[in-house]
């Protein structure tokens, strides 16, 4: 008589369990980084907070620096799906607006939502960059990626014929990069107590004033 075949775990179930474990570790690490800072947070503390072993932290996420990178990446996009920010439907929809002013309003709204999730973690990374080479590289890469995104957005504005005369795409990108920095959100919303929607409206207005030709009309 043949023995009954044991029902195996499906690959989908294993993948889901691994993803849940990874999510728990990164979430735990993010909370500890914000509360205690990068240097004071240990892998053992992350493991304890996530309810896993130290070995599982390394197997699932990697180093402490990698945990911070994932925490920032996921905070920026809002989840752990492997879809870049610029490929997200809401970002694509915002950039498809015919009016450059509407594009900037959409960007300002999205910027506030991202900063609300990621600004504290980015501040942790910047604070640790001076003493940790791996975090310094992580921070520099984050700045470069954000600048590349702003160059792409500035290019969209230029394609609409919206930029002020004499303002180059590179200069417009620099303005977007500066005013859209997470630290600006932190100063206004976290420190000064501005409502998030008020900040988004201010940012959109400031960017339109600085970047858009007053005589611009949507095509």
Foldseek 3Di string as FASTA:
>chain_A
DDDDDDDDDDPVNVVVVLVVLLVLLLVLLVVCCLVPFLVVDDLCSSCVSSVHDSVSCCVRQNDSLSSLLQQQQCLQCVHNDPDDNCRDPLLVVLLPDLDLLSSLLSVLLSLLSSLVRHVSSLVSLVVCLVPDVSSVVSNVVVLVVLLVVLLVSLVSCVVQVFFAPPQDSSNLSVVCSVCSHSVVSCVVCVVVNDPSVVSSVVSSVVSSVHTGHPPDDGD
